[in-house]
Protein backbone atom coordinates (compact mmCIF):
# COMPACT_ATOMS: atom_id res chain seq x y z
CA MET A 1 22.67 -1.75 34.90
CA ASP A 2 24.06 -3.96 31.73
CA MET A 3 21.16 -5.33 30.02
CA PRO A 4 21.37 -8.58 27.41
CA LEU A 5 19.35 -8.33 24.15
CA ALA A 6 17.13 -11.23 25.01
CA ALA A 7 15.16 -11.48 21.95
CA THR A 8 15.05 -14.53 19.92
CA GLY A 9 14.72 -14.99 16.05
CA TYR A 10 11.42 -14.88 15.69
CA ASP A 11 10.95 -12.04 18.27
CA ILE A 12 13.02 -10.33 15.66
CA SER A 13 11.32 -11.64 12.96
CA LEU A 14 8.00 -10.06 14.66
CA TYR A 15 9.53 -6.56 14.69
CA ILE A 16 10.57 -6.63 11.14
CA HIS A 17 7.16 -7.92 10.01
CA ILE A 18 5.18 -4.83 11.94
CA THR A 19 7.81 -2.67 11.42
CA ALA A 20 7.38 -3.18 7.39
CA VAL A 21 3.52 -2.90 8.02
CA VAL A 22 3.80 0.32 9.71
CA VAL A 23 6.12 2.27 7.52
CA GLY A 24 5.19 0.62 4.07
CA PHE A 25 1.41 -0.26 4.26
CA GLY A 26 1.18 3.59 7.16
CA ALA A 27 2.06 6.04 3.92
CA THR A 28 -0.79 4.72 1.63
CA PHE A 29 -3.27 5.87 3.85
CA GLY A 30 -2.08 9.28 3.40
CA GLU A 31 -2.97 8.86 -0.24
CA ALA A 32 -5.96 8.86 0.55
CA LEU A 33 -5.49 12.86 1.20
CA PHE A 34 -3.65 13.69 -1.62
CA PHE A 35 -5.81 13.97 -4.29
CA PRO A 36 -9.28 16.35 -3.04
CA VAL A 37 -5.94 18.64 -1.15
CA ALA A 38 -4.20 19.18 -4.79
CA MET A 39 -8.10 19.91 -6.37
CA LYS A 40 -8.76 22.45 -3.29
CA MET A 41 -5.12 23.92 -3.58
CA ASP A 42 -4.93 23.80 -7.42
CA PRO A 43 -5.93 20.92 -9.92
CA ARG A 44 -2.18 21.89 -11.73
CA HIS A 45 -0.90 19.72 -8.29
CA LEU A 46 -2.57 16.16 -9.68
CA PRO A 47 0.63 15.70 -11.35
CA TYR A 48 2.46 15.74 -8.21
CA VAL A 49 -0.46 13.65 -6.81
CA HIS A 50 0.74 10.76 -8.78
CA ARG A 51 4.23 11.15 -8.51
CA ILE A 52 4.31 10.91 -5.11
CA GLN A 53 1.37 7.79 -5.61
CA LEU A 54 4.27 5.73 -7.64
CA GLU A 55 7.15 6.12 -5.06
CA ILE A 56 5.24 5.61 -2.39
CA ASN A 57 4.53 2.03 -3.82
CA ARG A 58 7.89 1.64 -5.32
CA LYS A 59 9.55 2.73 -2.22
CA LEU A 60 7.76 1.93 0.36
CA ALA A 61 4.84 -0.32 0.09
CA THR A 62 6.81 -2.89 -2.56
CA PRO A 63 9.76 -3.37 -0.01
CA ALA A 64 7.91 -3.67 3.23
CA LEU A 65 5.58 -6.98 1.15
CA VAL A 66 8.84 -8.43 0.41
CA LEU A 67 10.13 -8.17 4.07
CA ILE A 68 6.10 -9.15 5.41
CA ILE A 69 6.38 -12.82 3.04
CA ALA A 70 10.20 -13.85 3.87
CA THR A 71 9.19 -12.84 7.66
CA GLY A 72 6.26 -14.19 7.96
CA VAL A 73 7.68 -17.21 6.53
CA TYR A 74 9.71 -17.18 9.12
CA GLN A 75 7.40 -16.61 11.45
CA LEU A 76 5.64 -19.78 10.64
CA VAL A 77 8.46 -22.30 10.43
CA ASP A 78 9.59 -21.18 13.86
CA ARG A 79 6.41 -22.18 15.26
CA ASP A 80 5.41 -25.05 12.99
CA TRP A 81 2.04 -23.61 12.17
CA ASP A 82 -0.42 -24.92 9.87
CA LEU A 83 -0.46 -22.99 6.15
CA GLY A 84 -3.91 -24.48 6.13
CA SER A 85 -4.94 -22.35 8.88
CA PHE A 86 -7.91 -20.17 7.99
CA TRP A 87 -6.07 -17.11 9.49
CA ILE A 88 -2.75 -17.95 7.47
CA SER A 89 -4.11 -19.42 4.70
CA ALA A 90 -6.59 -15.88 4.52
CA THR A 91 -3.76 -13.88 5.51
CA PHE A 92 -1.26 -14.88 2.89
CA LEU A 93 -4.28 -14.39 -0.18
CA ILE A 94 -5.09 -10.67 1.03
CA VAL A 95 -0.86 -9.96 0.89
CA ILE A 96 -0.79 -11.96 -2.82
CA ILE A 97 -3.62 -9.80 -3.38
CA ILE A 98 -1.78 -7.02 -2.04
CA GLY A 99 1.04 -7.48 -4.28
CA GLY A 100 -0.61 -8.05 -7.13
CA LEU A 101 -2.99 -4.44 -7.37
CA LEU A 102 0.71 -2.65 -6.03
CA GLY A 103 2.67 -4.07 -9.29
CA GLY A 104 -0.17 -4.55 -12.11
CA TYR A 105 -2.59 -1.67 -10.65
CA PHE A 106 -1.34 0.64 -8.68
CA ILE A 107 1.99 1.51 -9.86
CA PRO A 108 0.73 0.86 -14.38
CA THR A 109 -2.57 3.20 -12.96
CA ASP A 110 -0.22 6.16 -11.76
CA LYS A 111 2.22 6.39 -14.46
CA LYS A 112 -0.95 7.15 -16.69
CA LEU A 113 -2.77 9.28 -14.57
CA GLU A 114 0.60 10.95 -14.21
CA ALA A 115 0.69 11.38 -17.73
CA MET A 116 -3.04 12.11 -18.53
CA VAL A 117 -3.16 15.03 -16.19
CA SER A 118 0.36 16.23 -17.59
CA ALA A 119 -1.03 16.41 -21.34
CA GLU A 120 -3.91 17.83 -20.37
CA ILE A 121 -2.16 20.73 -17.95
CA GLU A 122 -0.06 21.45 -20.91
CA ALA A 123 -2.95 21.33 -23.39
CA ALA A 124 -4.62 24.20 -21.03
CA GLY A 125 -1.75 26.37 -20.93
CA ASP A 126 -1.56 29.58 -18.76
CA GLY A 127 -5.33 29.45 -18.89
CA PRO A 128 -7.76 27.83 -16.85
CA PHE A 129 -7.18 24.32 -15.39
CA GLU A 130 -10.54 21.43 -14.75
CA PRO A 131 -9.20 17.75 -15.17
CA SER A 132 -11.45 16.02 -17.91
CA GLY A 133 -14.31 13.18 -16.64
CA GLU A 134 -12.75 11.01 -18.37
CA TYR A 135 -9.23 11.65 -15.38
CA LEU A 136 -11.43 11.78 -12.65
CA SER A 137 -13.28 8.35 -13.34
CA ARG A 138 -9.82 6.43 -13.05
CA SER A 139 -9.12 8.82 -9.97
CA ARG A 140 -11.93 7.86 -8.60
CA THR A 141 -11.77 4.06 -9.67
CA GLU A 142 -8.00 4.24 -8.12
CA GLY A 143 -9.08 5.23 -5.02
CA PHE A 144 -12.32 2.95 -4.87
CA VAL A 145 -9.20 0.12 -5.18
CA GLY A 146 -7.12 2.42 -2.98
CA THR A 147 -9.83 1.67 -0.59
CA ALA A 148 -10.68 -0.98 -0.48
CA THR A 149 -6.98 -2.45 -0.67
CA GLY A 150 -6.57 -0.60 2.52
CA LEU A 151 -9.55 -2.68 3.72
CA LEU A 152 -7.74 -5.92 3.14
CA VAL A 153 -4.79 -4.51 4.86
CA VAL A 154 -6.64 -4.01 8.11
CA VAL A 155 -8.15 -7.37 7.89
CA ALA A 156 -4.84 -9.41 7.06
CA ILE A 157 -4.03 -7.12 10.08
CA TYR A 158 -7.00 -8.58 12.18
CA LEU A 159 -6.23 -12.07 11.12
CA MET A 160 -2.81 -11.47 12.08
CA VAL A 161 -3.75 -10.39 16.02
CA VAL A 162 -6.22 -12.43 16.49
CA LYS A 163 -5.29 -15.20 15.03
CA PRO A 164 -9.05 -17.21 14.46
CA GLY A 165 -9.42 -20.83 14.59
CA ALA A 166 -6.02 -20.92 16.16
């Protein structure tokens, strides 16, 4: 039985949009596990934590954000939705905030934290290693900002699904 592709441009855009959210931001939720696992196994794994977070943010989250914006704009135009609607404008604001955090905070912070902890490990040599208080403090701050960003993603998903006020 032949089944023709019965998808509109909007349907394809929505598929790409949702897939980009799942692939691009789904991985970022797993980042919350990296630091505590590395600390339990061996703090010498901490440079890897920051390197993998950099790769996730550069190669998954950032390209996904571009797709999310492009498909979101397409859907806005296709459905002739009002950009002034709360659920649309609030979601765009969240996306802008997340984009700013990715490029302006997470990527540079992970570069700095990787360099910092790598230097601390090198200075410790083969002896016992515990990360410095400064490193731990900066890592906790990054974790807090990451949690807040994850909550923004969840709020954006809620707004897109429920469309309050639409």
